[in-house]
Amino acid sequence: MALFHVDVLTLLLSHANRTWCYDNFLNHRSMKAADNVRTQLSRIMRRFNLPLVSTEFNSPDYYLNIRKALVAGFFMQAAHLERTGHYLTVKDNQVREPLFTIAWRAFACSSGNA
């Protein structure tokens, strides 16, 4: 019996018109870019005769692998809090401001509370 496997990106892109992305808090351009990267990687793997392997949906590692992929994608933005009160990026020790602070300032400015 053949196993029909649909990954999350394929499912999202099958419905990825701009309105659907907006309604579900997804960036349409980022979805298209992710699809392009996936297409390029699968093409490279086929060219070098590498197996395309996915974790089965019923596997206990299925959601763990998704979480690992998401965390790996955000690694460049990871930072730690210093004693001085500012954040340094893990990769290159650059000073960063927490995203919630940036978001709060944007909200305060747009609502006239700044």
C-alpha atoms as a PDB file:
ATOM      1  CA  MET A   1       0.000   0.000   0.000  1.00  0.00           C
ATOM      2  CA  ALA A   2       1.423   3.376  -0.994  1.00  0.00           C
ATOM      3  CA  LEU A   3       1.690   6.040   1.667  1.00  0.00           C
ATOM      4  CA  PHE A   4       0.382   9.406   0.530  1.00  0.00           C
ATOM      5  CA  HIS A   5       2.474  12.066   2.238  1.00  0.00           C
ATOM      6  CA  VAL A   6       1.776  15.782   2.079  1.00  0.00           C
ATOM      7  CA  ASP A   7       4.128  18.069   3.944  1.00  0.00           C
ATOM      8  CA  VAL A   8       2.994  21.274   5.595  1.00  0.00           C
ATOM      9  CA  LEU A   9       4.509  23.565   2.972  1.00  0.00           C
ATOM     10  CA  THR A  10       2.772  21.743   0.116  1.00  0.00           C
ATOM     11  CA  LEU A  11      -0.526  21.987   1.944  1.00  0.00           C
ATOM     12  CA  LEU A  12      -0.090  25.694   2.639  1.00  0.00           C
ATOM     13  CA  LEU A  13       1.041  26.499  -0.891  1.00  0.00           C
ATOM     14  CA  SER A  14      -1.930  24.698  -2.384  1.00  0.00           C
ATOM     15  CA  HIS A  15      -4.070  27.404  -0.731  1.00  0.00           C
ATOM     16  CA  ALA A  16      -1.504  30.189  -0.721  1.00  0.00           C
ATOM     17  CA  ASN A  17      -3.282  33.047  -2.345  1.00  0.00           C
ATOM     18  CA  ARG A  18      -2.646  36.440  -0.827  1.00  0.00           C
ATOM     19  CA  THR A  19      -5.953  36.638   1.017  1.00  0.00           C
ATOM     20  CA  TRP A  20      -5.556  33.210   2.603  1.00  0.00           C
ATOM     21  CA  CYS A  21      -2.020  34.062   3.735  1.00  0.00           C
ATOM     22  CA  TYR A  22      -3.189  37.376   5.177  1.00  0.00           C
ATOM     23  CA  ASP A  23      -6.108  35.734   7.003  1.00  0.00           C
ATOM     24  CA  ASN A  24      -3.733  33.153   8.518  1.00  0.00           C
ATOM     25  CA  PHE A  25      -0.934  35.605   9.462  1.00  0.00           C
ATOM     26  CA  LEU A  26       1.501  34.255   6.853  1.00  0.00           C
ATOM     27  CA  ASN A  27       3.697  36.261   4.510  1.00  0.00           C
ATOM     28  CA  HIS A  28       2.832  35.293   0.937  1.00  0.00           C
ATOM     29  CA  ARG A  29       6.264  36.261  -0.416  1.00  0.00           C
ATOM     30  CA  SER A  30       8.005  34.177   2.262  1.00  0.00           C
ATOM     31  CA  MET A  31       5.812  31.194   1.435  1.00  0.00           C
ATOM     32  CA  LYS A  32       6.763  31.453  -2.230  1.00  0.00           C
ATOM     33  CA  ALA A  33      10.455  31.809  -1.335  1.00  0.00           C
ATOM     34  CA  ALA A  34      10.276  28.698   0.880  1.00  0.00           C
ATOM     35  CA  ASP A  35       8.672  26.779  -1.971  1.00  0.00           C
ATOM     36  CA  ASN A  36      11.442  27.897  -4.355  1.00  0.00           C
ATOM     37  CA  VAL A  37      14.134  26.751  -1.906  1.00  0.00           C
ATOM     38  CA  ARG A  38      12.417  23.393  -1.460  1.00  0.00           C
ATOM     39  CA  THR A  39      12.177  22.938  -5.239  1.00  0.00           C
ATOM     40  CA  GLN A  40      15.861  23.768  -5.693  1.00  0.00           C
ATOM     41  CA  LEU A  41      16.939  21.388  -2.918  1.00  0.00           C
ATOM     42  CA  SER A  42      14.867  18.522  -4.300  1.00  0.00           C
ATOM     43  CA  ARG A  43      16.299  19.141  -7.780  1.00  0.00           C
ATOM     44  CA  ILE A  44      19.865  19.036  -6.395  1.00  0.00           C
ATOM     45  CA  MET A  45      19.142  15.853  -4.454  1.00  0.00           C
ATOM     46  CA  ARG A  46      17.732  14.155  -7.561  1.00  0.00           C
ATOM     47  CA  ARG A  47      20.727  15.244  -9.624  1.00  0.00           C
ATOM     48  CA  PHE A  48      23.100  13.569  -7.162  1.00  0.00           C
ATOM     49  CA  ASN A  49      20.804  10.545  -6.697  1.00  0.00           C
ATOM     50  CA  LEU A  50      20.250  11.279  -3.009  1.00  0.00           C
ATOM     51  CA  PRO A  51      17.111   9.836  -1.412  1.00  0.00           C
ATOM     52  CA  LEU A  52      14.267  12.214  -0.594  1.00  0.00           C
ATOM     53  CA  VAL A  53      13.202  11.092   2.877  1.00  0.00           C
ATOM     54  CA  SER A  54      10.416  12.488   5.049  1.00  0.00           C
ATOM     55  CA  THR A  55       9.367  11.517   8.526  1.00  0.00           C
ATOM     56  CA  GLU A  56       6.069   9.639   8.455  1.00  0.00           C
ATOM     57  CA  PHE A  57       3.124  11.508   9.933  1.00  0.00           C
ATOM     58  CA  ASN A  58       2.529   8.805  12.568  1.00  0.00           C
ATOM     59  CA  SER A  59       6.141   8.861  13.748  1.00  0.00           C
ATOM     60  CA  PRO A  60       6.806  10.254  17.242  1.00  0.00           C
ATOM     61  CA  ASP A  61       9.596  12.362  15.672  1.00  0.00           C
ATOM     62  CA  TYR A  62       7.287  14.084  13.157  1.00  0.00           C
ATOM     63  CA  TYR A  63       6.510  17.207  15.223  1.00  0.00           C
ATOM     64  CA  LEU A  64       9.935  17.176  16.845  1.00  0.00           C
ATOM     65  CA  ASN A  65      11.539  17.426  13.390  1.00  0.00           C
ATOM     66  CA  ILE A  66       9.253  20.329  12.471  1.00  0.00           C
ATOM     67  CA  ARG A  67      10.240  22.156  15.670  1.00  0.00           C
ATOM     68  CA  LYS A  68      13.931  21.508  14.978  1.00  0.00           C
ATOM     69  CA  ALA A  69      13.585  22.921  11.467  1.00  0.00           C
ATOM     70  CA  LEU A  70      11.838  26.053  12.746  1.00  0.00           C
ATOM     71  CA  VAL A  71      14.448  26.632  15.453  1.00  0.00           C
ATOM     72  CA  ALA A  72      17.280  26.106  12.955  1.00  0.00           C
ATOM     73  CA  GLY A  73      15.718  28.772  10.747  1.00  0.00           C
ATOM     74  CA  PHE A  74      15.660  31.285  13.598  1.00  0.00           C
ATOM     75  CA  PHE A  75      19.156  30.553  14.916  1.00  0.00           C
ATOM     76  CA  MET A  76      20.637  33.743  13.451  1.00  0.00           C
ATOM     77  CA  GLN A  77      18.145  35.746  15.534  1.00  0.00           C
ATOM     78  CA  ALA A  78      18.829  33.956  18.842  1.00  0.00           C
ATOM     79  CA  ALA A  79      20.197  36.197  21.602  1.00  0.00           C
ATOM     80  CA  HIS A  80      20.927  36.042  25.304  1.00  0.00           C
ATOM     81  CA  LEU A  81      20.387  38.633  28.015  1.00  0.00           C
ATOM     82  CA  GLU A  82      23.535  40.204  29.460  1.00  0.00           C
ATOM     83  CA  ARG A  83      23.853  41.480  33.036  1.00  0.00           C
ATOM     84  CA  THR A  84      23.882  45.013  31.654  1.00  0.00           C
ATOM     85  CA  GLY A  85      20.303  44.511  30.421  1.00  0.00           C
ATOM     86  CA  HIS A  86      20.904  44.318  26.693  1.00  0.00           C
ATOM     87  CA  TYR A  87      20.770  41.273  24.431  1.00  0.00           C
ATOM     88  CA  LEU A  88      23.689  39.861  22.426  1.00  0.00           C
ATOM     89  CA  THR A  89      23.243  37.583  19.418  1.00  0.00           C
ATOM     90  CA  VAL A  90      24.539  34.051  19.938  1.00  0.00           C
ATOM     91  CA  LYS A  91      26.389  33.921  16.622  1.00  0.00           C
ATOM     92  CA  ASP A  92      28.376  37.165  16.572  1.00  0.00           C
ATOM     93  CA  ASN A  93      27.690  39.037  19.850  1.00  0.00           C
ATOM     94  CA  GLN A  94      25.909  41.974  18.267  1.00  0.00           C
ATOM     95  CA  VAL A  95      23.655  44.058  20.504  1.00  0.00           C
ATOM     96  CA  ARG A  96      19.972  43.480  19.694  1.00  0.00           C
ATOM     97  CA  GLU A  97      16.690  44.802  21.000  1.00  0.00           C
ATOM     98  CA  PRO A  98      13.946  42.251  21.807  1.00  0.00           C
ATOM     99  CA  LEU A  99      11.303  42.012  19.088  1.00  0.00           C
ATOM    100  CA  PHE A 100       8.433  42.593  21.525  1.00  0.00           C
ATOM    101  CA  THR A 101       9.973  45.983  22.391  1.00  0.00           C
ATOM    102  CA  ILE A 102      10.119  46.909  18.721  1.00  0.00           C
ATOM    103  CA  ALA A 103       6.538  45.719  18.220  1.00  0.00           C
ATOM    104  CA  TRP A 104       5.343  47.682  21.261  1.00  0.00           C
ATOM    105  CA  ARG A 105       6.953  50.881  19.964  1.00  0.00           C
ATOM    106  CA  ALA A 106       5.291  50.373  16.568  1.00  0.00           C
ATOM    107  CA  PHE A 107       1.923  49.839  18.285  1.00  0.00           C
ATOM    108  CA  ALA A 108       2.389  52.852  20.550  1.00  0.00           C
ATOM    109  CA  CYS A 109       3.322  55.077  17.592  1.00  0.00           C
ATOM    110  CA  SER A 110       0.408  53.896  15.474  1.00  0.00           C
ATOM    111  CA  SER A 111      -2.083  54.398  18.296  1.00  0.00           C
ATOM    112  CA  GLY A 112      -0.750  57.823  19.228  1.00  0.00           C
ATOM    113  CA  ASN A 113       0.553  56.695  22.637  1.00  0.00           C
ATOM    114  CA  ALA A 114       4.244  57.385  21.925  1.00  0.00           C
END
